[in-house]
Amino acid sequence: MKRLLSLIVIAGMCTFVACGPSAEEKAKAEKAKADSLATIEQARIADSTQKEQARLQDSIMKVAEAAKADSMAKAEEAAKTAKPAKKGKK
């Protein structure tokens, strides 16, 4: 009885191991994993690029605002220091 039970257990284990995924199924799973990793990497790069563009746009706007304020201040200073035109005799 012990031998028969041992043989049945061993045969069951061999059958269980033989029913594992085939090489083709393993390759498909590996390809799916690689594809999902590539998709995640592309999304990360796109997000990084978008953030960098937004940062550059903000920087450009700050520089433009500073230049505008500077030129307005210079214009006001020039208006204060400008000599008034002399009125001619009529």
PDB file of N, CA and C in Angstrom:
ATOM      1  N   MET A   1       0.825  -1.189   0.000  1.00  0.00           N
ATOM      2  CA  MET A   1       0.000   0.000   0.000  1.00  0.00           C
ATOM      3  C   MET A   1       0.872   1.257   0.000  1.00  0.00           C
ATOM      4  N   LYS A   2       1.973   1.236   0.748  1.00  0.00           N
ATOM      5  CA  LYS A   2       2.848   2.401   0.787  1.00  0.00           C
ATOM      6  C   LYS A   2       3.456   2.640  -0.590  1.00  0.00           C
ATOM      7  N   ARG A   3       3.839   1.575  -1.283  1.00  0.00           N
ATOM      8  CA  ARG A   3       4.449   1.741  -2.604  1.00  0.00           C
ATOM      9  C   ARG A   3       3.436   2.313  -3.582  1.00  0.00           C
ATOM     10  N   LEU A   4       2.241   1.811  -3.534  1.00  0.00           N
ATOM     11  CA  LEU A   4       1.212   2.300  -4.443  1.00  0.00           C
ATOM     12  C   LEU A   4       0.920   3.774  -4.182  1.00  0.00           C
ATOM     13  N   LEU A   5       0.805   4.146  -2.937  1.00  0.00           N
ATOM     14  CA  LEU A   5       0.566   5.547  -2.576  1.00  0.00           C
ATOM     15  C   LEU A   5       1.747   6.423  -2.996  1.00  0.00           C
ATOM     16  N   SER A   6       2.957   5.927  -2.817  1.00  0.00           N
ATOM     17  CA  SER A   6       4.159   6.667  -3.219  1.00  0.00           C
ATOM     18  C   SER A   6       4.171   6.873  -4.728  1.00  0.00           C
ATOM     19  N   LEU A   7       3.841   5.833  -5.487  1.00  0.00           N
ATOM     20  CA  LEU A   7       3.818   5.946  -6.940  1.00  0.00           C
ATOM     21  C   LEU A   7       2.751   6.946  -7.401  1.00  0.00           C
ATOM     22  N   ILE A   8       1.599   6.931  -6.761  1.00  0.00           N
ATOM     23  CA  ILE A   8       0.532   7.864  -7.122  1.00  0.00           C
ATOM     24  C   ILE A   8       0.953   9.301  -6.812  1.00  0.00           C
ATOM     25  N   VAL A   9       1.588   9.510  -5.686  1.00  0.00           N
ATOM     26  CA  VAL A   9       2.056  10.846  -5.309  1.00  0.00           C
ATOM     27  C   VAL A   9       3.115  11.323  -6.287  1.00  0.00           C
ATOM     28  N   ILE A  10       4.057  10.469  -6.641  1.00  0.00           N
ATOM     29  CA  ILE A  10       5.130  10.848  -7.572  1.00  0.00           C
ATOM     30  C   ILE A  10       4.545  11.138  -8.951  1.00  0.00           C
ATOM     31  N   ALA A  11       3.601  10.305  -9.400  1.00  0.00           N
ATOM     32  CA  ALA A  11       2.972  10.534 -10.696  1.00  0.00           C
ATOM     33  C   ALA A  11       2.191  11.847 -10.690  1.00  0.00           C
ATOM     34  N   GLY A  12       1.525  12.141  -9.615  1.00  0.00           N
ATOM     35  CA  GLY A  12       0.787  13.396  -9.494  1.00  0.00           C
ATOM     36  C   GLY A  12       1.710  14.606  -9.533  1.00  0.00           C
ATOM     37  N   MET A  13       2.854  14.498  -8.861  1.00  0.00           N
ATOM     38  CA  MET A  13       3.816  15.596  -8.854  1.00  0.00           C
ATOM     39  C   MET A  13       4.390  15.818 -10.254  1.00  0.00           C
ATOM     40  N   CYS A  14       4.694  14.741 -10.957  1.00  0.00           N
ATOM     41  CA  CYS A  14       5.228  14.852 -12.322  1.00  0.00           C
ATOM     42  C   CYS A  14       4.197  15.480 -13.251  1.00  0.00           C
ATOM     43  N   THR A  15       2.955  15.107 -13.092  1.00  0.00           N
ATOM     44  CA  THR A  15       1.887  15.665 -13.915  1.00  0.00           C
ATOM     45  C   THR A  15       1.712  17.152 -13.616  1.00  0.00           C
ATOM     46  N   PHE A  16       1.778  17.502 -12.367  1.00  0.00           N
ATOM     47  CA  PHE A  16       1.636  18.905 -11.970  1.00  0.00           C
ATOM     48  C   PHE A  16       2.763  19.747 -12.552  1.00  0.00           C
ATOM     49  N   VAL A  17       3.984  19.250 -12.503  1.00  0.00           N
ATOM     50  CA  VAL A  17       5.143  19.976 -13.033  1.00  0.00           C
ATOM     51  C   VAL A  17       5.047  20.074 -14.546  1.00  0.00           C
ATOM     52  N   ALA A  18       4.590  19.034 -15.203  1.00  0.00           N
ATOM     53  CA  ALA A  18       4.493  19.023 -16.661  1.00  0.00           C
ATOM     54  C   ALA A  18       3.434  19.987 -17.165  1.00  0.00           C
ATOM     55  N   CYS A  19       2.478  20.361 -16.363  1.00  0.00           N
ATOM     56  CA  CYS A  19       1.398  21.258 -16.782  1.00  0.00           C
ATOM     57  C   CYS A  19       1.755  22.728 -16.633  1.00  0.00           C
ATOM     58  N   GLY A  20       3.003  23.034 -16.382  1.00  0.00           N
ATOM     59  CA  GLY A  20       3.431  24.428 -16.230  1.00  0.00           C
ATOM     60  C   GLY A  20       3.357  25.164 -17.553  1.00  0.00           C
ATOM     61  N   PRO A  21       3.652  26.449 -17.548  1.00  0.00           N
ATOM     62  CA  PRO A  21       3.566  27.241 -18.774  1.00  0.00           C
ATOM     63  C   PRO A  21       4.625  26.810 -19.785  1.00  0.00           C
ATOM     64  N   SER A  22       4.245  26.868 -21.062  1.00  0.00           N
ATOM     65  CA  SER A  22       5.177  26.489 -22.119  1.00  0.00           C
ATOM     66  C   SER A  22       6.154  27.633 -22.370  1.00  0.00           C
ATOM     67  N   ALA A  23       7.157  27.359 -23.192  1.00  0.00           N
ATOM     68  CA  ALA A  23       8.147  28.386 -23.515  1.00  0.00           C
ATOM     69  C   ALA A  23       7.478  29.546 -24.246  1.00  0.00           C
ATOM     70  N   GLU A  24       6.491  29.230 -25.069  1.00  0.00           N
ATOM     71  CA  GLU A  24       5.770  30.267 -25.800  1.00  0.00           C
ATOM     72  C   GLU A  24       4.995  31.171 -24.845  1.00  0.00           C
ATOM     73  N   GLU A  25       4.352  30.575 -23.858  1.00  0.00           N
ATOM     74  CA  GLU A  25       3.608  31.362 -22.870  1.00  0.00           C
ATOM     75  C   GLU A  25       4.543  32.209 -22.037  1.00  0.00           C
ATOM     76  N   LYS A  26       5.698  31.650 -21.701  1.00  0.00           N
ATOM     77  CA  LYS A  26       6.687  32.421 -20.939  1.00  0.00           C
ATOM     78  C   LYS A  26       7.183  33.609 -21.754  1.00  0.00           C
ATOM     79  N   ALA A  27       7.420  33.404 -23.062  1.00  0.00           N
ATOM     80  CA  ALA A  27       7.892  34.482 -23.930  1.00  0.00           C
ATOM     81  C   ALA A  27       6.835  35.580 -24.041  1.00  0.00           C
ATOM     82  N   LYS A  28       5.565  35.194 -24.172  1.00  0.00           N
ATOM     83  CA  LYS A  28       4.486  36.185 -24.236  1.00  0.00           C
ATOM     84  C   LYS A  28       4.417  37.007 -22.951  1.00  0.00           C
ATOM     85  N   ALA A  29       4.551  36.336 -21.822  1.00  0.00           N
ATOM     86  CA  ALA A  29       4.503  37.039 -20.539  1.00  0.00           C
ATOM     87  C   ALA A  29       5.675  38.003 -20.411  1.00  0.00           C
ATOM     88  N   GLU A  30       6.849  37.577 -20.859  1.00  0.00           N
ATOM     89  CA  GLU A  30       8.031  38.431 -20.782  1.00  0.00           C
ATOM     90  C   GLU A  30       7.873  39.643 -21.713  1.00  0.00           C
ATOM     91  N   LYS A  31       7.320  39.421 -22.898  1.00  0.00           N
ATOM     92  CA  LYS A  31       7.097  40.516 -23.843  1.00  0.00           C
ATOM     93  C   LYS A  31       6.081  41.507 -23.282  1.00  0.00           C
ATOM     94  N   ALA A  32       5.025  41.006 -22.678  1.00  0.00           N
ATOM     95  CA  ALA A  32       4.018  41.888 -22.084  1.00  0.00           C
ATOM     96  C   ALA A  32       4.632  42.730 -20.967  1.00  0.00           C
ATOM     97  N   LYS A  33       5.498  42.130 -20.186  1.00  0.00           N
ATOM     98  CA  LYS A  33       6.163  42.860 -19.097  1.00  0.00           C
ATOM     99  C   LYS A  33       7.062  43.953 -19.674  1.00  0.00           C
ATOM    100  N   ALA A  34       7.827  43.614 -20.719  1.00  0.00           N
ATOM    101  CA  ALA A  34       8.718  44.592 -21.339  1.00  0.00           C
ATOM    102  C   ALA A  34       7.916  45.731 -21.963  1.00  0.00           C
ATOM    103  N   ASP A  35       6.781  45.402 -22.594  1.00  0.00           N
ATOM    104  CA  ASP A  35       5.943  46.429 -23.198  1.00  0.00           C
ATOM    105  C   ASP A  35       5.382  47.382 -22.144  1.00  0.00           C
ATOM    106  N   SER A  36       4.933  46.837 -21.027  1.00  0.00           N
ATOM    107  CA  SER A  36       4.377  47.698 -19.982  1.00  0.00           C
ATOM    108  C   SER A  36       5.459  48.587 -19.374  1.00  0.00           C
ATOM    109  N   LEU A  37       6.675  48.055 -19.224  1.00  0.00           N
ATOM    110  CA  LEU A  37       7.771  48.882 -18.711  1.00  0.00           C
ATOM    111  C   LEU A  37       8.115  49.993 -19.692  1.00  0.00           C
ATOM    112  N   ALA A  38       8.087  49.691 -20.993  1.00  0.00           N
ATOM    113  CA  ALA A  38       8.372  50.710 -22.004  1.00  0.00           C
ATOM    114  C   ALA A  38       7.305  51.795 -21.983  1.00  0.00           C
ATOM    115  N   THR A  39       6.053  51.403 -21.819  1.00  0.00           N
ATOM    116  CA  THR A  39       4.961  52.374 -21.759  1.00  0.00           C
ATOM    117  C   THR A  39       5.113  53.293 -20.550  1.00  0.00           C
ATOM    118  N   ILE A  40       5.468  52.720 -19.425  1.00  0.00           N
ATOM    119  CA  ILE A  40       5.663  53.515 -18.209  1.00  0.00           C
ATOM    120  C   ILE A  40       6.819  54.493 -18.394  1.00  0.00           C
ATOM    121  N   GLU A  41       7.897  54.042 -19.023  1.00  0.00           N
ATOM    122  CA  GLU A  41       9.065  54.897 -19.242  1.00  0.00           C
ATOM    123  C   GLU A  41       8.703  56.051 -20.182  1.00  0.00           C
ATOM    124  N   GLN A  42       7.945  55.769 -21.232  1.00  0.00           N
ATOM    125  CA  GLN A  42       7.532  56.826 -22.151  1.00  0.00           C
ATOM    126  C   GLN A  42       6.645  57.844 -21.449  1.00  0.00           C
ATOM    127  N   ALA A  43       5.758  57.386 -20.603  1.00  0.00           N
ATOM    128  CA  ALA A  43       4.883  58.296 -19.856  1.00  0.00           C
ATOM    129  C   ALA A  43       5.704  59.166 -18.908  1.00  0.00           C
ATOM    130  N   ARG A  44       6.708  58.575 -18.282  1.00  0.00           N
ATOM    131  CA  ARG A  44       7.565  59.327 -17.362  1.00  0.00           C
ATOM    132  C   ARG A  44       8.341  60.403 -18.114  1.00  0.00           C
ATOM    133  N   ILE A  45       8.856  60.050 -19.287  1.00  0.00           N
ATOM    134  CA  ILE A  45       9.616  61.013 -20.084  1.00  0.00           C
ATOM    135  C   ILE A  45       8.704  62.143 -20.556  1.00  0.00           C
ATOM    136  N   ALA A  46       7.500  61.795 -20.995  1.00  0.00           N
ATOM    137  CA  ALA A  46       6.551  62.817 -21.460  1.00  0.00           C
ATOM    138  C   ALA A  46       6.192  63.763 -20.316  1.00  0.00           C
ATOM    139  N   ASP A  47       5.975  63.225 -19.128  1.00  0.00           N
ATOM    140  CA  ASP A  47       5.634  64.049 -17.966  1.00  0.00           C
ATOM    141  C   ASP A  47       6.797  64.969 -17.609  1.00  0.00           C
ATOM    142  N   SER A  48       8.003  64.420 -17.658  1.00  0.00           N
ATOM    143  CA  SER A  48       9.185  65.208 -17.339  1.00  0.00           C
ATOM    144  C   SER A  48       9.360  66.344 -18.340  1.00  0.00           C
ATOM    145  N   THR A  49       9.142  66.041 -19.615  1.00  0.00           N
ATOM    146  CA  THR A  49       9.270  67.056 -20.655  1.00  0.00           C
ATOM    147  C   THR A  49       8.223  68.145 -20.471  1.00  0.00           C
ATOM    148  N   GLN A  50       7.016  67.751 -20.153  1.00  0.00           N
ATOM    149  CA  GLN A  50       5.936  68.719 -19.953  1.00  0.00           C
ATOM    150  C   GLN A  50       6.251  69.629 -18.760  1.00  0.00           C
ATOM    151  N   LYS A  51       6.750  69.067 -17.691  1.00  0.00           N
ATOM    152  CA  LYS A  51       7.103  69.877 -16.517  1.00  0.00           C
ATOM    153  C   LYS A  51       8.236  70.843 -16.849  1.00  0.00           C
ATOM    154  N   GLU A  52       9.214  70.382 -17.630  1.00  0.00           N
ATOM    155  CA  GLU A  52      10.345  71.234 -17.997  1.00  0.00           C
ATOM    156  C   GLU A  52       9.869  72.389 -18.875  1.00  0.00           C
ATOM    157  N   GLN A  53       8.961  72.116 -19.812  1.00  0.00           N
ATOM    158  CA  GLN A  53       8.423  73.183 -20.659  1.00  0.00           C
ATOM    159  C   GLN A  53       7.650  74.202 -19.832  1.00  0.00           C
ATOM    160  N   ALA A  54       6.877  73.738 -18.871  1.00  0.00           N
ATOM    161  CA  ALA A  54       6.131  74.651 -18.009  1.00  0.00           C
ATOM    162  C   ALA A  54       7.081  75.510 -17.182  1.00  0.00           C
ATOM    163  N   ARG A  55       8.152  74.910 -16.683  1.00  0.00           N
ATOM    164  CA  ARG A  55       9.138  75.652 -15.903  1.00  0.00           C
ATOM    165  C   ARG A  55       9.817  76.717 -16.762  1.00  0.00           C
ATOM    166  N   LEU A  56      10.170  76.370 -17.997  1.00  0.00           N
ATOM    167  CA  LEU A  56      10.795  77.337 -18.895  1.00  0.00           C
ATOM    168  C   LEU A  56       9.833  78.470 -19.247  1.00  0.00           C
ATOM    169  N   GLN A  57       8.581  78.137 -19.466  1.00  0.00           N
ATOM    170  CA  GLN A  57       7.580  79.164 -19.772  1.00  0.00           C
ATOM    171  C   GLN A  57       7.426  80.131 -18.605  1.00  0.00           C
ATOM    172  N   ASP A  58       7.390  79.600 -17.383  1.00  0.00           N
ATOM    173  CA  ASP A  58       7.301  80.461 -16.197  1.00  0.00           C
ATOM    174  C   ASP A  58       8.520  81.368 -16.091  1.00  0.00           C
ATOM    175  N   SER A  59       9.689  80.805 -16.375  1.00  0.00           N
ATOM    176  CA  SER A  59      10.922  81.585 -16.313  1.00  0.00           C
ATOM    177  C   SER A  59      10.909  82.710 -17.344  1.00  0.00           C
ATOM    178  N   ILE A  60      10.450  82.406 -18.542  1.00  0.00           N
ATOM    179  CA  ILE A  60      10.377  83.422 -19.591  1.00  0.00           C
ATOM    180  C   ILE A  60       9.408  84.532 -19.193  1.00  0.00           C
ATOM    181  N   MET A  61       8.284  84.167 -18.626  1.00  0.00           N
ATOM    182  CA  MET A  61       7.301  85.164 -18.201  1.00  0.00           C
ATOM    183  C   MET A  61       7.868  86.063 -17.109  1.00  0.00           C
ATOM    184  N   LYS A  62       8.592  85.490 -16.168  1.00  0.00           N
ATOM    185  CA  LYS A  62       9.188  86.295 -15.091  1.00  0.00           C
ATOM    186  C   LYS A  62      10.200  87.289 -15.650  1.00  0.00           C
ATOM    187  N   VAL A  63      11.027  86.832 -16.603  1.00  0.00           N
ATOM    188  CA  VAL A  63      12.028  87.714 -17.202  1.00  0.00           C
ATOM    189  C   VAL A  63      11.336  88.830 -17.980  1.00  0.00           C
ATOM    190  N   ALA A  64      10.283  88.485 -18.706  1.00  0.00           N
ATOM    191  CA  ALA A  64       9.557  89.498 -19.486  1.00  0.00           C
ATOM    192  C   ALA A  64       8.917  90.532 -18.560  1.00  0.00           C
ATOM    193  N   GLU A  65       8.322  90.083 -17.466  1.00  0.00           N
ATOM    194  CA  GLU A  65       7.709  91.013 -16.517  1.00  0.00           C
ATOM    195  C   GLU A  65       8.756  91.918 -15.881  1.00  0.00           C
ATOM    196  N   ALA A  66       9.919  91.350 -15.554  1.00  0.00           N
ATOM    197  CA  ALA A  66      10.986  92.152 -14.959  1.00  0.00           C
ATOM    198  C   ALA A  66      11.497  93.181 -15.959  1.00  0.00           C
ATOM    199  N   ALA A  67      11.640  92.784 -17.220  1.00  0.00           N
ATOM    200  CA  ALA A  67      12.105  93.715 -18.247  1.00  0.00           C
ATOM    201  C   ALA A  67      11.089  94.831 -18.461  1.00  0.00           C
ATOM    202  N   LYS A  68       9.830  94.501 -18.446  1.00  0.00           N
ATOM    203  CA  LYS A  68       8.769  95.502 -18.625  1.00  0.00           C
ATOM    204  C   LYS A  68       8.794  96.506 -17.473  1.00  0.00           C
ATOM    205  N   ALA A  69       8.891  95.988 -16.252  1.00  0.00           N
ATOM    206  CA  ALA A  69       8.930  96.870 -15.086  1.00  0.00           C
ATOM    207  C   ALA A  69      10.169  97.761 -15.121  1.00  0.00           C
ATOM    208  N   ASP A  70      11.298  97.194 -15.564  1.00  0.00           N
ATOM    209  CA  ASP A  70      12.542  97.963 -15.637  1.00  0.00           C
ATOM    210  C   ASP A  70      12.431  99.072 -16.681  1.00  0.00           C
ATOM    211  N   SER A  71      11.869  98.751 -17.839  1.00  0.00           N
ATOM    212  CA  SER A  71      11.751  99.778 -18.882  1.00  0.00           C
ATOM    213  C   SER A  71      10.753 100.858 -18.481  1.00  0.00           C
ATOM    214  N   MET A  72       9.695 100.485 -17.757  1.00  0.00           N
ATOM    215  CA  MET A  72       8.737 101.486 -17.286  1.00  0.00           C
ATOM    216  C   MET A  72       9.393 102.405 -16.261  1.00  0.00           C
ATOM    217  N   ALA A  73      10.208 101.838 -15.390  1.00  0.00           N
ATOM    218  CA  ALA A  73      10.900 102.657 -14.395  1.00  0.00           C
ATOM    219  C   ALA A  73      11.869 103.618 -15.076  1.00  0.00           C
ATOM    220  N   LYS A  74      12.576 103.150 -16.104  1.00  0.00           N
ATOM    221  CA  LYS A  74      13.508 104.019 -16.822  1.00  0.00           C
ATOM    222  C   LYS A  74      12.752 105.133 -17.548  1.00  0.00           C
ATOM    223  N   ALA A  75      11.594 104.808 -18.113  1.00  0.00           N
ATOM    224  CA  ALA A  75      10.802 105.821 -18.816  1.00  0.00           C
ATOM    225  C   ALA A  75      10.314 106.884 -17.841  1.00  0.00           C
ATOM    226  N   GLU A  76       9.873 106.473 -16.663  1.00  0.00           N
ATOM    227  CA  GLU A  76       9.424 107.436 -15.655  1.00  0.00           C
ATOM    228  C   GLU A  76      10.581 108.311 -15.198  1.00  0.00           C
ATOM    229  N   GLU A  77      11.747 107.706 -15.021  1.00  0.00           N
ATOM    230  CA  GLU A  77      12.929 108.465 -14.606  1.00  0.00           C
ATOM    231  C   GLU A  77      13.321 109.460 -15.689  1.00  0.00           C
ATOM    232  N   ALA A  78      13.249 109.030 -16.934  1.00  0.00           N
ATOM    233  CA  ALA A  78      13.588 109.929 -18.043  1.00  0.00           C
ATOM    234  C   ALA A  78      12.580 111.069 -18.130  1.00  0.00           C
ATOM    235  N   ALA A  79      11.322 110.790 -17.862  1.00  0.00           N
ATOM    236  CA  ALA A  79      10.296 111.835 -17.912  1.00  0.00           C
ATOM    237  C   ALA A  79      10.525 112.868 -16.814  1.00  0.00           C
ATOM    238  N   LYS A  80      11.002 112.441 -15.673  1.00  0.00           N
ATOM    239  CA  LYS A  80      11.251 113.368 -14.563  1.00  0.00           C
ATOM    240  C   LYS A  80      12.453 114.256 -14.835  1.00  0.00           C
ATOM    241  N   THR A  81      13.471 113.690 -15.436  1.00  0.00           N
ATOM    242  CA  THR A  81      14.712 114.440 -15.638  1.00  0.00           C
ATOM    243  C   THR A  81      14.749 115.192 -16.959  1.00  0.00           C
ATOM    244  N   ALA A  82      13.784 114.992 -17.824  1.00  0.00           N
ATOM    245  CA  ALA A  82      13.764 115.672 -19.130  1.00  0.00           C
ATOM    246  C   ALA A  82      13.527 117.164 -18.916  1.00  0.00           C
ATOM    247  N   LYS A  83      14.188 117.963 -19.711  1.00  0.00           N
ATOM    248  CA  LYS A  83      14.030 119.414 -19.621  1.00  0.00           C
ATOM    249  C   LYS A  83      12.757 119.790 -20.357  1.00  0.00           C
ATOM    250  N   PRO A  84      11.976 120.646 -19.751  1.00  0.00           N
ATOM    251  CA  PRO A  84      10.755 121.083 -20.448  1.00  0.00           C
ATOM    252  C   PRO A  84      11.114 121.937 -21.661  1.00  0.00           C
ATOM    253  N   ALA A  85      10.337 121.825 -22.679  1.00  0.00           N
ATOM    254  CA  ALA A  85      10.569 122.600 -23.900  1.00  0.00           C
ATOM    255  C   ALA A  85      10.316 124.092 -23.621  1.00  0.00           C
ATOM    256  N   LYS A  86      11.152 124.930 -24.175  1.00  0.00           N
ATOM    257  CA  LYS A  86      10.999 126.379 -23.998  1.00  0.00           C
ATOM    258  C   LYS A  86       9.883 126.867 -24.888  1.00  0.00           C
ATOM    259  N   LYS A  87       9.109 127.756 -24.315  1.00  0.00           N
ATOM    260  CA  LYS A  87       8.023 128.354 -25.085  1.00  0.00           C
ATOM    261  C   LYS A  87       8.610 129.540 -25.866  1.00  0.00           C
ATOM    262  N   GLY A  88       8.335 129.513 -27.108  1.00  0.00           N
ATOM    263  CA  GLY A  88       8.839 130.617 -27.964  1.00  0.00           C
ATOM    264  C   GLY A  88       7.912 131.825 -27.890  1.00  0.00           C
ATOM    265  N   LYS A  89       8.452 132.972 -28.231  1.00  0.00           N
ATOM    266  CA  LYS A  89       7.642 134.178 -28.239  1.00  0.00           C
ATOM    267  C   LYS A  89       6.746 134.168 -29.462  1.00  0.00           C
ATOM    268  N   LYS A  90       5.553 134.662 -29.276  1.00  0.00           N
ATOM    269  CA  LYS A  90       4.625 134.738 -30.377  1.00  0.00           C
ATOM    270  C   LYS A  90       4.480 136.116 -30.865  1.00  0.00           C
TER     271      LYS A  90
END
